[in-house]
Amino acid sequence: MTAPEIPGLKEALDRARAASEEIAAALDEDQEPETEEPLGWQPIWERPRAPKSKADRKKELRDQRERLQDAGKRRLAASQSRRPRSPQSRIGNAATRRDARALSRVRHSNAWLW
C-alpha cells in the first residue's frame, strides 16, 4: 500500500500538524511553577535544597565521624572475639604444618606412587 491509498491519511496528517503547533506553543511557555502556587508533593531529589549553616554542616560531619568510628570499633571487637588465638598456637602446630607441607608436595608432584 502506498501513502495515497491509505484511507483518512490526509485528515490524520492535518490533525497531527495542528496538534504539533499546540504542543510547540505549550513547550515554549515557562515551565517553572508560579511561586504563589503550592508545589505539592515532589520527590526528594527535585525539592529545592535548604542551605545549611556552617555550624550545622560541622555538626553533621562530627556525628558521621563518630558513627563511623563506633562501627569500626564494633567490627574490630567482633572479628577478634570470633577468632581467639593463643600465643602458643604457632609453636605447637609447627610439626603439623611441616607434615602438611610434605604431603602437599607429594600430592602436587608429577611423581607416580606405585
Protein backbone atom coordinates (compact mmCIF):
# COMPACT_ATOMS: atom_id res chain seq x y z
CA MET A 1 0.00 0.00 0.00
CA THR A 2 1.36 3.37 -0.89
CA ALA A 3 0.59 6.56 1.01
CA PRO A 4 -2.31 7.86 -1.18
CA GLU A 5 -4.18 4.53 -0.84
CA ILE A 6 -4.46 4.68 2.97
CA PRO A 7 -7.93 5.96 3.91
CA GLY A 8 -8.03 9.07 6.11
CA LEU A 9 -4.31 9.76 5.79
CA LYS A 10 -4.77 13.38 4.83
CA GLU A 11 -7.09 14.07 7.76
CA ALA A 12 -4.70 12.38 10.19
CA LEU A 13 -1.79 14.40 8.82
CA ASP A 14 -3.75 17.66 9.17
CA ARG A 15 -4.70 16.78 12.77
CA ALA A 16 -1.07 15.96 13.61
CA ARG A 17 0.14 19.28 12.17
CA ALA A 18 -2.47 21.23 14.14
CA ALA A 19 -1.59 19.36 17.35
CA SER A 20 2.14 19.91 16.81
CA GLU A 21 1.61 23.67 16.79
CA GLU A 22 -0.31 23.46 20.08
CA ILE A 23 2.38 21.25 21.63
CA ALA A 24 5.15 23.61 20.50
CA ALA A 25 3.25 26.57 21.97
CA ALA A 26 2.82 24.73 25.28
CA LEU A 27 6.51 23.82 25.38
CA ASP A 28 7.57 27.41 24.71
CA GLU A 29 5.69 28.60 27.79
CA ASP A 30 7.55 28.98 31.07
CA GLN A 31 7.81 25.52 32.59
CA GLU A 32 8.59 26.70 36.14
CA PRO A 33 5.61 26.74 38.53
CA GLU A 34 4.45 30.08 39.85
CA THR A 35 5.86 31.00 43.25
CA GLU A 36 2.36 31.63 44.62
CA GLU A 37 1.22 28.13 43.69
CA PRO A 38 1.82 25.41 46.29
CA LEU A 39 4.27 22.88 44.89
CA GLY A 40 2.54 19.85 46.37
CA TRP A 41 4.43 16.58 46.76
CA GLN A 42 7.76 16.31 44.98
CA PRO A 43 10.37 13.58 45.05
CA ILE A 44 13.22 14.47 47.36
CA TRP A 45 15.73 14.80 44.50
CA GLU A 46 13.60 17.53 42.91
CA ARG A 47 12.96 19.58 46.04
CA PRO A 48 14.88 22.81 46.41
CA ARG A 49 17.76 22.35 48.83
CA ALA A 50 17.64 24.37 52.02
CA PRO A 51 21.04 25.95 52.67
CA LYS A 52 22.72 24.77 55.88
CA SER A 53 24.75 26.92 58.19
CA LYS A 54 28.43 26.17 58.70
CA ALA A 55 27.74 25.02 62.27
CA ASP A 56 25.05 22.57 61.07
CA ARG A 57 27.40 21.11 58.47
CA LYS A 58 30.19 20.68 61.01
CA LYS A 59 27.81 19.04 63.49
CA GLU A 60 26.63 16.63 60.79
CA LEU A 61 30.21 15.70 59.92
CA ARG A 62 31.10 15.28 63.60
CA ASP A 63 28.14 12.93 64.10
CA GLN A 64 29.03 10.98 60.97
CA ARG A 65 32.66 10.62 62.07
CA GLU A 66 31.52 9.38 65.48
CA ARG A 67 29.15 6.84 63.89
CA LEU A 68 31.88 5.52 61.61
CA GLN A 69 34.39 5.24 64.43
CA ASP A 70 31.90 3.36 66.59
CA ALA A 71 31.17 0.99 63.70
CA GLY A 72 34.90 0.38 63.24
CA LYS A 73 35.32 -0.43 66.93
CA ARG A 74 32.39 -2.84 66.83
CA ARG A 75 33.78 -4.52 63.73
CA LEU A 76 37.22 -4.91 65.28
CA ALA A 77 35.81 -6.33 68.51
CA ALA A 78 33.60 -8.76 66.58
CA SER A 79 36.46 -10.06 64.44
CA GLN A 80 38.73 -10.56 67.44
CA SER A 81 36.14 -12.37 69.50
CA ARG A 82 35.37 -14.71 66.64
CA ARG A 83 38.95 -15.95 66.22
CA PRO A 84 40.66 -16.43 69.58
CA ARG A 85 44.34 -17.23 69.17
CA SER A 86 46.70 -18.36 71.87
CA PRO A 87 50.31 -17.18 71.69
CA GLN A 88 51.47 -20.83 71.78
CA SER A 89 49.38 -21.92 68.81
CA ARG A 90 52.13 -21.31 66.22
CA ILE A 91 54.75 -23.22 68.20
CA GLY A 92 52.52 -26.22 68.85
CA ASN A 93 51.40 -26.51 65.23
CA ALA A 94 54.85 -26.32 63.62
CA ALA A 95 55.14 -30.10 63.23
CA THR A 96 51.63 -30.32 61.84
CA ARG A 97 52.39 -27.60 59.30
CA ARG A 98 55.61 -29.36 58.28
CA ASP A 99 53.75 -32.65 57.73
CA ALA A 100 51.03 -30.92 55.75
CA ARG A 101 53.62 -29.22 53.60
CA ALA A 102 55.33 -32.53 52.83
CA LEU A 103 52.04 -34.20 51.97
CA SER A 104 51.12 -31.27 49.73
CA ARG A 105 54.42 -31.58 47.86
CA VAL A 106 53.81 -35.27 47.26
CA ARG A 107 50.23 -34.66 46.19
CA HIS A 108 51.15 -31.92 43.71
CA SER A 109 54.23 -33.55 42.28
CA ASN A 110 54.34 -35.40 38.99
CA ALA A 111 55.96 -38.46 40.59
CA TRP A 112 53.98 -41.70 40.30
CA LEU A 113 53.46 -43.61 43.52
CA TRP A 114 53.26 -47.37 42.89
